Amino acid sequence: MRKVNRTPFNMDKRPVKERRVLMPIAWSLSFPTAWKRNLKINKVNMEGLKPPYLLLCTHHAFIDFKVTTVATFPKRLNWVVAIDGFLFGEWLLRSVGAICKRKFVNDIKLVKHIRYVLNDLKGIVALYPEARYTLIGTNAILPASLGKMCKMLGVPVVVLNMHGNYLSQPQWNLTQRKVPLMADMTQIIQQEELENLSVDEINERIQKAFVYDEYKWQKDNQIKIDFKDRMKNIHKVLYQCPSCFTEHQMNSDQNRIWCEACGKTYEQDEYGVLKATSGETEFTHIPDWYEFEREQVKKQILEGTYHIEDDVRIESLPNAKGFHVLGDGHLIHDVNGFRITGDFDPNFNLIREPLSLYGLHIEYNYKNHGDAIDISSLDNSFWIFPKTKKDIITKMHFGVEELYKLAKKKG
C-alpha cells in the first residue's frame, strides 16, 4: 500500500525569479490568446516605471494569467498562487516564480516572501487579492490588511483591472466563449506618496481601482455573445427566486433561468440583459440579482434565522502531492460561524468564528467532484463537499462576508 505523504507544504522556501529559459514558453502560451482576442491594454501613469513594484490584479478566470503576462512583457514576474494551483507541479510553479498561499489565512511568511522579491530580487509581485475568481463578474471583498501591507512594502502599487475574462469563462460554466479582452494597467500609488498616505487612504485608492462590472462593460460596449449555453448553470450563483423568494429551487439551461417552485422564467439576450418571459422583470442586470441575494442573507442574519446544515465529505490538501479523502462529516454554518465535525475522527472539529474569516473560497463542481468550500489553516486546506443540499455554497459565501462585516462593526 502506497504511503500517504501528509507533510505540510514548505512555506519557508524562498521564491526565485522566473527562470529565463521558461519565459519564452510563457509568452508563447499567452500572446496567441491575446492576439486572437484582440487584447487592448490601456496603461495609465506607467511611463518610466521600473521594478520593483506590487501588481494587484482583478481575478476573473484562468486567462487572467495570460493577460498579466502580456501586460508586463518583457519583465519577469513572481506570482502569489494558491496551494491547489501547485497541483500542476511544484517544481514548475516554483521555477516560474510562484509563491504559495493558502486562501483567506493571515500568513506573515507570505509577506516576508513578497518583501524578499521586491527588496532583494528587485522584481514584480503579481497578487490577486480577491483570492478567488469573481462569481458574477463584479469585484469581490478585499482584505483590510492590504493597505497596511502596501505601506510597509514601500514600493509603487499598480492595479491591473481586466475586462472580458469573466465573460469568456465564468466559473459556473467553464466552456470558453469568444469575447474580446481589455485591461487597464494603472500606477495608483507612487513610491514617494506612501510615506504621507494613511492605510485607509491606500485602501480607498485600491478599492476604487478595483471596481468592475462585466455585464455593464458588455452592454456599454455592445459585445454580442451568442453562445447557446450562456446561462447554463448560473443558478448555482442565482439560487434564490426574486419573484417568490424560494431558495435553492432555481434551474438554468441555454439562455434561460427559471424557478422550479413558481415557474417564473427569465431569458438573457446576446448583450447580457435579462427579461422575464411573462410578468415583471425584477432585475434586468444580473449583478443586481446577486446583490439581492446578499441582502436576503444579511436580513436572515439580523433576524437570527440564518442556518445552513448538511452532511459533507471532507478532503485535505496539506501539500502539493494531492488531496486525501478524510471521510464523511457534518457542517453547520450559522450566526456563530462554522462548525465542521468528522465521523472519521472524534477529534476533528473545524471551527471558524465570524471574525476569523472575511471571505470564503468556493468552487462549483470542483474537479467534477461536486460543489465545495475550502477552509484553510496555516498548514492544511480542508475541502468540504455538501452531500444532500442543493446550491448552498454561494449562500455560505454571502453568510461569511456579512457575518464578518457585522462582527467587525460590533468590535
Protein backbone atom coordinates (compact mmCIF):
# COMPACT_ATOMS: atom_id res chain seq x y z
CA MET A 1 0.00 0.00 0.00
CA ARG A 2 1.40 3.38 -1.01
CA LYS A 3 2.29 5.58 1.95
CA VAL A 4 0.37 8.86 2.01
CA ASN A 5 2.56 11.95 2.29
CA ARG A 6 0.86 14.43 4.61
CA THR A 7 3.88 16.60 5.36
CA PRO A 8 2.76 20.24 5.17
CA PHE A 9 3.88 22.29 2.18
CA ASN A 10 7.20 24.02 2.78
CA MET A 11 6.14 27.63 3.15
CA ASP A 12 9.61 28.68 4.31
CA LYS A 13 11.35 28.07 0.99
CA ARG A 14 12.30 31.35 -0.62
CA PRO A 15 10.89 32.23 -4.04
CA VAL A 16 13.15 32.56 -7.06
CA LYS A 17 12.91 34.81 -10.08
CA GLU A 18 11.13 33.30 -13.05
CA ARG A 19 13.76 31.24 -14.84
CA ARG A 20 14.72 32.90 -18.13
CA VAL A 21 14.53 29.62 -20.03
CA LEU A 22 10.81 29.38 -19.18
CA MET A 23 9.91 32.94 -20.17
CA PRO A 24 9.56 32.23 -23.94
CA ILE A 25 7.22 29.36 -23.07
CA ALA A 26 5.00 31.68 -21.02
CA TRP A 27 4.99 34.23 -23.84
CA SER A 28 4.18 31.59 -26.48
CA LEU A 29 1.20 30.45 -24.39
CA SER A 30 -0.04 33.98 -23.73
CA PHE A 31 0.46 36.13 -26.84
CA PRO A 32 -1.53 33.95 -29.33
CA THR A 33 -4.54 34.19 -26.99
CA ALA A 34 -4.06 37.95 -26.69
CA TRP A 35 -3.89 38.37 -30.47
CA LYS A 36 -6.86 36.08 -31.06
CA ARG A 37 -8.97 38.01 -28.52
CA ASN A 38 -7.75 41.40 -29.74
CA LEU A 39 -6.45 42.28 -26.27
CA LYS A 40 -6.08 46.01 -25.66
CA ILE A 41 -4.10 47.25 -22.67
CA ASN A 42 -4.63 50.83 -21.54
CA LYS A 43 -1.60 51.94 -19.50
CA VAL A 44 -2.03 54.94 -17.20
CA ASN A 45 0.77 56.63 -15.27
CA MET A 46 3.12 53.75 -16.16
CA GLU A 47 5.70 55.68 -18.16
CA GLY A 48 9.18 55.23 -16.75
CA LEU A 49 8.07 52.80 -14.03
CA LYS A 50 10.57 50.02 -13.44
CA PRO A 51 10.61 47.13 -10.94
CA PRO A 52 10.32 46.62 -8.10
CA TYR A 53 6.59 47.20 -7.73
CA LEU A 54 3.47 45.45 -6.49
CA LEU A 55 0.94 44.48 -9.17
CA LEU A 56 -2.60 43.96 -7.84
CA CYS A 57 -4.82 42.16 -10.36
CA THR A 58 -8.55 41.57 -10.58
CA HIS A 59 -9.44 37.88 -10.77
CA HIS A 60 -11.90 36.51 -13.33
CA ALA A 61 -10.74 33.26 -14.95
CA PHE A 62 -7.61 31.26 -15.76
CA ILE A 63 -6.98 33.53 -18.75
CA ASP A 64 -6.06 36.26 -16.22
CA PHE A 65 -2.53 34.86 -16.05
CA LYS A 66 -2.08 35.19 -19.81
CA VAL A 67 -3.32 38.78 -19.80
CA THR A 68 -1.00 39.61 -16.89
CA THR A 69 1.96 38.06 -18.73
CA VAL A 70 1.26 40.17 -21.82
CA ALA A 71 0.66 43.35 -19.80
CA THR A 72 4.07 43.09 -18.08
CA PHE A 73 6.07 41.86 -21.11
CA PRO A 74 9.06 41.51 -21.20
CA LYS A 75 9.51 41.70 -17.42
CA ARG A 76 9.75 38.64 -15.20
CA LEU A 77 7.11 38.08 -12.53
CA ASN A 78 6.67 36.41 -9.19
CA TRP A 79 3.13 35.17 -8.70
CA VAL A 80 1.21 34.54 -5.49
CA VAL A 81 -0.54 31.22 -6.17
CA ALA A 82 -2.98 29.22 -4.03
CA ILE A 83 -1.92 25.80 -2.76
CA ASP A 84 -4.30 23.96 -5.14
CA GLY A 85 -2.57 25.72 -8.04
CA PHE A 86 0.64 23.88 -7.12
CA LEU A 87 -1.01 20.58 -8.05
CA PHE A 88 0.08 21.40 -11.61
CA GLY A 89 3.63 20.68 -10.46
CA GLU A 90 5.53 22.20 -7.55
CA TRP A 91 8.90 22.37 -9.31
CA LEU A 92 7.41 24.07 -12.35
CA LEU A 93 5.40 26.56 -10.29
CA ARG A 94 8.41 27.47 -8.18
CA SER A 95 10.51 27.81 -11.34
CA VAL A 96 8.13 30.38 -12.82
CA GLY A 97 8.40 32.39 -9.63
CA ALA A 98 5.27 31.25 -7.81
CA ILE A 99 4.84 31.90 -4.08
CA CYS A 100 2.43 29.52 -2.35
CA LYS A 101 -0.53 30.83 -0.32
CA ARG A 102 -3.49 29.30 1.48
CA LYS A 103 -6.65 31.31 0.87
CA PHE A 104 -8.20 33.62 3.47
CA VAL A 105 -5.47 32.89 6.03
CA ASN A 106 -3.27 35.59 7.57
CA ASP A 107 0.23 34.46 6.73
CA ILE A 108 3.27 36.50 7.78
CA LYS A 109 5.54 34.20 5.75
CA LEU A 110 3.83 35.32 2.56
CA VAL A 111 4.57 38.96 3.40
CA LYS A 112 8.21 38.08 4.05
CA HIS A 113 8.47 36.34 0.67
CA ILE A 114 6.90 39.33 -1.09
CA ARG A 115 9.37 41.68 0.64
CA TYR A 116 12.25 39.42 -0.40
CA VAL A 117 11.19 39.52 -4.08
CA LEU A 118 10.77 43.30 -4.03
CA ASN A 119 13.80 44.25 -1.93
CA ASP A 120 16.37 41.57 -2.82
CA LEU A 121 15.34 40.29 -6.24
CA LYS A 122 14.08 43.73 -7.37
CA GLY A 123 11.15 42.05 -9.09
CA ILE A 124 7.42 42.45 -9.68
CA VAL A 125 4.97 40.59 -7.46
CA ALA A 126 1.62 39.79 -9.08
CA LEU A 127 -1.05 39.39 -6.42
CA TYR A 128 -4.76 38.60 -6.90
CA PRO A 129 -6.14 39.95 -3.61
CA GLU A 130 -9.75 38.91 -4.28
CA ALA A 131 -8.35 35.40 -3.66
CA ARG A 132 -10.84 33.68 -5.96
CA TYR A 133 -12.42 34.10 -9.37
CA THR A 134 -15.35 36.51 -9.44
CA LEU A 135 -18.68 34.72 -9.07
CA ILE A 136 -20.84 37.07 -11.12
CA GLY A 137 -18.48 39.48 -12.90
CA THR A 138 -18.20 42.11 -10.17
CA ASN A 139 -15.41 42.92 -7.74
CA ALA A 140 -15.19 40.94 -4.50
CA ILE A 141 -14.28 41.90 -0.94
CA LEU A 142 -10.63 42.82 -0.35
CA PRO A 143 -8.71 42.28 2.90
CA ALA A 144 -8.44 45.34 5.12
CA SER A 145 -4.78 44.45 5.69
CA LEU A 146 -3.94 45.16 2.03
CA GLY A 147 -3.32 48.87 2.60
CA LYS A 148 -1.14 48.17 5.62
CA MET A 149 0.97 45.73 3.59
CA CYS A 150 1.37 48.22 0.72
CA LYS A 151 2.54 50.93 3.11
CA MET A 152 5.01 48.54 4.75
CA LEU A 153 6.44 47.31 1.44
CA GLY A 154 7.20 50.85 0.33
CA VAL A 155 7.12 50.23 -3.44
CA PRO A 156 4.84 51.60 -6.18
CA VAL A 157 1.41 49.99 -6.41
CA VAL A 158 -0.08 49.12 -9.82
CA VAL A 159 -3.57 47.77 -10.48
CA LEU A 160 -4.43 45.60 -13.49
CA ASN A 161 -8.21 45.74 -13.90
CA MET A 162 -9.22 43.23 -16.59
CA HIS A 163 -12.36 43.05 -18.73
CA GLY A 164 -13.85 40.25 -20.80
CA ASN A 165 -12.11 37.46 -18.89
CA TYR A 166 -15.16 36.53 -16.80
CA LEU A 167 -17.46 36.71 -19.80
CA SER A 168 -15.09 34.35 -21.62
CA GLN A 169 -15.24 31.66 -18.95
CA PRO A 170 -17.43 32.22 -15.87
CA GLN A 171 -16.76 29.82 -13.01
CA TRP A 172 -20.25 28.35 -13.10
CA ASN A 173 -19.80 27.26 -16.75
CA LEU A 174 -16.20 26.79 -17.88
CA THR A 175 -16.95 26.37 -21.59
CA GLN A 176 -14.96 29.02 -23.45
CA ARG A 177 -16.75 31.83 -25.30
CA LYS A 178 -15.10 34.16 -27.83
CA VAL A 179 -15.05 37.57 -26.17
CA PRO A 180 -12.63 40.47 -26.82
CA LEU A 181 -10.34 41.37 -23.93
CA MET A 182 -9.27 44.66 -22.44
CA ALA A 183 -7.28 45.71 -19.37
CA ASP A 184 -6.50 48.95 -17.57
CA MET A 185 -2.99 48.97 -16.07
CA THR A 186 -2.64 51.93 -13.73
CA GLN A 187 0.01 53.03 -11.27
CA ILE A 188 -2.31 54.14 -8.46
CA ILE A 189 0.36 54.93 -5.84
CA GLN A 190 3.83 56.25 -6.49
CA GLN A 191 6.62 55.30 -4.12
CA GLU A 192 7.11 58.83 -2.78
CA GLU A 193 3.40 59.06 -1.86
CA LEU A 194 3.40 56.11 0.51
CA GLU A 195 5.02 57.92 3.41
CA ASN A 196 2.25 60.53 3.60
CA LEU A 197 -0.74 58.32 2.76
CA SER A 198 -2.65 56.67 5.61
CA VAL A 199 -3.60 52.98 5.44
CA ASP A 200 -7.25 53.99 4.95
CA GLU A 201 -6.32 56.28 2.06
CA ILE A 202 -4.30 53.49 0.42
CA ASN A 203 -7.19 51.06 0.80
CA GLU A 204 -9.56 53.66 -0.65
CA ARG A 205 -7.41 54.04 -3.78
CA ILE A 206 -7.18 50.27 -4.22
CA GLN A 207 -10.93 49.79 -3.75
CA LYS A 208 -11.68 52.48 -6.32
CA ALA A 209 -9.28 50.99 -8.86
CA PHE A 210 -10.75 47.50 -8.34
CA VAL A 211 -14.34 48.36 -9.26
CA TYR A 212 -15.60 46.42 -12.28
CA ASP A 213 -18.90 45.11 -13.62
CA GLU A 214 -18.53 42.76 -16.58
CA TYR A 215 -22.19 42.81 -17.61
CA LYS A 216 -22.23 46.61 -17.64
CA TRP A 217 -18.99 46.55 -19.64
CA GLN A 218 -20.57 44.12 -22.11
CA LYS A 219 -23.69 46.24 -22.54
CA ASP A 220 -21.82 49.56 -22.74
CA ASN A 221 -19.51 48.19 -25.42
CA GLN A 222 -22.29 46.28 -27.23
CA ILE A 223 -20.37 42.99 -27.10
CA LYS A 224 -22.51 40.28 -28.61
CA ILE A 225 -22.25 36.81 -27.03
CA ASP A 226 -24.40 34.38 -28.98
CA PHE A 227 -23.05 31.28 -27.20
CA LYS A 228 -26.05 28.97 -26.89
CA ASP A 229 -25.47 27.90 -23.27
CA ARG A 230 -24.57 31.34 -21.94
CA MET A 231 -26.85 30.94 -18.86
CA LYS A 232 -26.37 27.22 -18.20
CA ASN A 233 -25.52 26.60 -14.52
CA ILE A 234 -25.87 30.26 -13.50
CA HIS A 235 -28.50 29.05 -10.98
CA LYS A 236 -25.57 27.94 -8.82
CA VAL A 237 -24.97 31.66 -8.22
CA LEU A 238 -28.52 32.96 -8.65
CA TYR A 239 -30.04 30.40 -6.27
CA GLN A 240 -33.00 32.45 -4.96
CA CYS A 241 -36.09 33.36 -6.96
CA PRO A 242 -36.69 37.15 -6.87
CA SER A 243 -40.37 36.58 -7.61
CA CYS A 244 -41.49 34.03 -4.97
CA PHE A 245 -38.30 34.26 -2.80
CA THR A 246 -37.87 30.45 -2.75
CA GLU A 247 -34.25 29.39 -2.27
CA HIS A 248 -32.33 26.57 -3.96
CA GLN A 249 -35.09 25.74 -6.45
CA MET A 250 -33.66 27.61 -9.42
CA ASN A 251 -32.53 25.86 -12.60
CA SER A 252 -30.95 27.04 -15.84
CA ASP A 253 -30.11 25.97 -19.36
CA GLN A 254 -29.10 27.63 -22.63
CA ASN A 255 -30.09 31.34 -22.25
CA ARG A 256 -32.76 30.80 -19.56
CA ILE A 257 -33.04 30.61 -15.78
CA TRP A 258 -36.27 29.58 -14.05
CA CYS A 259 -37.77 28.77 -10.65
CA GLU A 260 -38.99 25.20 -10.13
CA ALA A 261 -41.28 26.42 -7.33
CA CYS A 262 -43.28 29.14 -9.09
CA GLY A 263 -42.30 28.66 -12.72
CA LYS A 264 -41.05 32.23 -13.25
CA THR A 265 -38.62 32.25 -16.18
CA TYR A 266 -36.06 34.80 -17.37
CA GLU A 267 -34.11 34.96 -20.62
CA GLN A 268 -30.78 36.67 -21.29
CA ASP A 269 -30.24 38.39 -24.60
CA GLU A 270 -26.95 38.41 -26.52
CA TYR A 271 -25.83 41.58 -24.74
CA GLY A 272 -26.23 40.21 -21.19
CA VAL A 273 -29.62 41.75 -20.33
CA LEU A 274 -32.31 39.75 -18.52
CA LYS A 275 -36.04 39.82 -19.22
CA ALA A 276 -38.87 37.79 -17.72
CA THR A 277 -40.81 35.74 -20.27
CA SER A 278 -44.02 36.92 -18.56
CA GLY A 279 -44.87 39.36 -15.80
CA GLU A 280 -42.49 41.74 -14.05
CA THR A 281 -38.75 41.67 -14.70
CA GLU A 282 -37.35 42.17 -11.20
CA PHE A 283 -33.75 42.52 -12.41
CA THR A 284 -32.53 43.23 -15.91
CA HIS A 285 -28.94 43.48 -14.65
CA ILE A 286 -27.61 40.14 -13.40
CA PRO A 287 -25.33 41.53 -10.61
CA ASP A 288 -28.41 43.26 -9.12
CA TRP A 289 -30.00 39.81 -8.62
CA TYR A 290 -26.76 38.69 -6.94
CA GLU A 291 -26.80 41.65 -4.53
CA PHE A 292 -30.50 41.00 -3.80
CA GLU A 293 -29.45 37.57 -2.51
CA ARG A 294 -26.77 39.15 -0.33
CA GLU A 295 -29.36 41.44 1.26
CA GLN A 296 -31.64 38.46 1.95
CA VAL A 297 -28.79 36.66 3.74
CA LYS A 298 -27.99 39.79 5.75
CA LYS A 299 -31.65 40.05 6.73
CA GLN A 300 -31.66 36.42 7.95
CA ILE A 301 -28.51 37.04 9.99
CA LEU A 302 -30.01 40.11 11.66
CA GLU A 303 -33.19 38.17 12.41
CA GLY A 304 -31.20 35.24 13.81
CA THR A 305 -32.66 32.77 11.30
CA TYR A 306 -29.57 32.21 9.14
CA HIS A 307 -28.72 28.49 9.34
CA ILE A 308 -27.19 26.04 6.86
CA GLU A 309 -26.59 22.42 7.79
CA ASP A 310 -25.66 19.35 5.79
CA ASP A 311 -23.74 16.10 5.77
CA VAL A 312 -20.45 16.55 3.95
CA ARG A 313 -17.43 14.77 2.51
CA ILE A 314 -14.10 16.15 3.69
CA GLU A 315 -10.77 16.11 1.88
CA SER A 316 -7.48 17.69 2.89
CA LEU A 317 -4.64 19.27 0.92
CA PRO A 318 -1.58 19.61 3.16
CA ASN A 319 0.91 19.83 0.28
CA ALA A 320 1.29 19.70 -3.50
CA LYS A 321 1.21 15.89 -3.59
CA GLY A 322 -2.58 15.81 -3.90
CA PHE A 323 -5.83 15.52 -1.97
CA HIS A 324 -6.50 13.00 0.79
CA VAL A 325 -10.07 11.84 1.44
CA LEU A 326 -10.62 12.05 5.19
CA GLY A 327 -14.21 10.82 5.17
CA ASP A 328 -17.73 11.96 5.97
CA GLY A 329 -18.69 14.65 8.43
CA HIS A 330 -21.25 17.29 9.29
CA LEU A 331 -21.32 21.04 8.60
CA ILE A 332 -23.18 23.80 10.41
CA HIS A 333 -22.95 27.45 9.39
CA ASP A 334 -24.97 29.94 11.39
CA VAL A 335 -24.56 33.27 13.17
CA ASN A 336 -21.78 31.71 15.28
CA GLY A 337 -19.72 30.81 12.20
CA PHE A 338 -18.62 27.38 11.00
CA ARG A 339 -18.53 24.14 12.95
CA ILE A 340 -17.46 21.10 10.94
CA THR A 341 -17.06 17.71 12.59
CA GLY A 342 -15.74 14.46 11.15
CA ASP A 343 -17.28 11.00 11.52
CA PHE A 344 -13.81 9.58 10.81
CA ASP A 345 -12.21 11.20 13.87
CA PRO A 346 -13.92 12.34 17.10
CA ASN A 347 -11.18 14.95 17.49
CA PHE A 348 -11.80 16.56 14.10
CA ASN A 349 -13.59 19.78 14.95
CA LEU A 350 -13.04 22.63 12.49
CA ILE A 351 -14.36 25.88 13.98
CA ARG A 352 -14.26 29.31 12.39
CA GLU A 353 -15.91 32.19 14.20
CA PRO A 354 -17.22 35.14 12.15
CA LEU A 355 -14.22 37.41 12.78
CA SER A 356 -11.77 34.69 11.69
CA LEU A 357 -12.98 34.68 8.06
CA TYR A 358 -13.63 37.80 5.98
CA GLY A 359 -14.29 35.73 2.83
CA LEU A 360 -14.85 32.17 1.68
CA HIS A 361 -13.32 30.29 -1.22
CA ILE A 362 -15.97 28.27 -3.07
CA GLU A 363 -15.83 26.10 -6.18
CA TYR A 364 -18.63 24.86 -8.42
CA ASN A 365 -18.29 21.15 -9.27
CA TYR A 366 -14.65 21.17 -8.26
CA LYS A 367 -12.69 18.64 -10.37
CA ASN A 368 -16.08 17.03 -11.16
CA HIS A 369 -16.43 16.01 -7.50
CA GLY A 370 -19.26 18.41 -6.67
CA ASP A 371 -19.59 21.90 -5.21
CA ALA A 372 -17.11 22.66 -2.43
CA ILE A 373 -15.94 25.20 0.09
CA ASP A 374 -12.30 25.50 1.16
CA ILE A 375 -11.33 26.39 4.73
CA SER A 376 -7.62 26.56 5.49
CA SER A 377 -5.24 26.67 8.40
CA LEU A 378 -1.58 27.64 8.09
CA ASP A 379 -0.52 24.06 7.31
CA ASN A 380 -3.59 22.43 5.74
CA SER A 381 -6.56 23.16 3.50
CA PHE A 382 -9.84 21.35 4.02
CA TRP A 383 -12.21 20.93 1.10
CA ILE A 384 -15.78 20.30 2.21
CA PHE A 385 -18.35 18.92 -0.25
CA PRO A 386 -22.06 19.17 0.74
CA LYS A 387 -23.77 15.83 0.14
CA THR A 388 -27.52 16.48 0.09
CA LYS A 389 -28.35 20.21 -0.03
CA LYS A 390 -28.54 21.85 -3.46
CA ASP A 391 -26.67 25.05 -4.40
CA ILE A 392 -25.83 26.22 -0.89
CA ILE A 393 -22.20 27.30 -1.28
CA THR A 394 -22.96 30.74 -2.76
CA LYS A 395 -25.24 31.46 0.18
CA MET A 396 -22.48 30.42 2.60
CA HIS A 397 -20.12 32.80 0.81
CA PHE A 398 -22.59 35.65 1.42
CA GLY A 399 -23.04 34.48 5.01
CA VAL A 400 -19.32 34.58 5.75
CA GLU A 401 -18.88 38.09 4.34
CA GLU A 402 -21.93 39.57 6.06
CA LEU A 403 -21.18 37.89 9.41
CA TYR A 404 -17.65 39.29 9.28
CA LYS A 405 -18.87 42.81 8.49
CA LEU A 406 -21.39 42.75 11.34
CA ALA A 407 -18.89 41.26 13.81
CA LYS A 408 -16.27 43.84 12.88
CA LYS A 409 -18.82 46.65 13.22
CA LYS A 410 -19.69 45.42 16.73
CA GLY A 411 -15.99 45.35 17.59
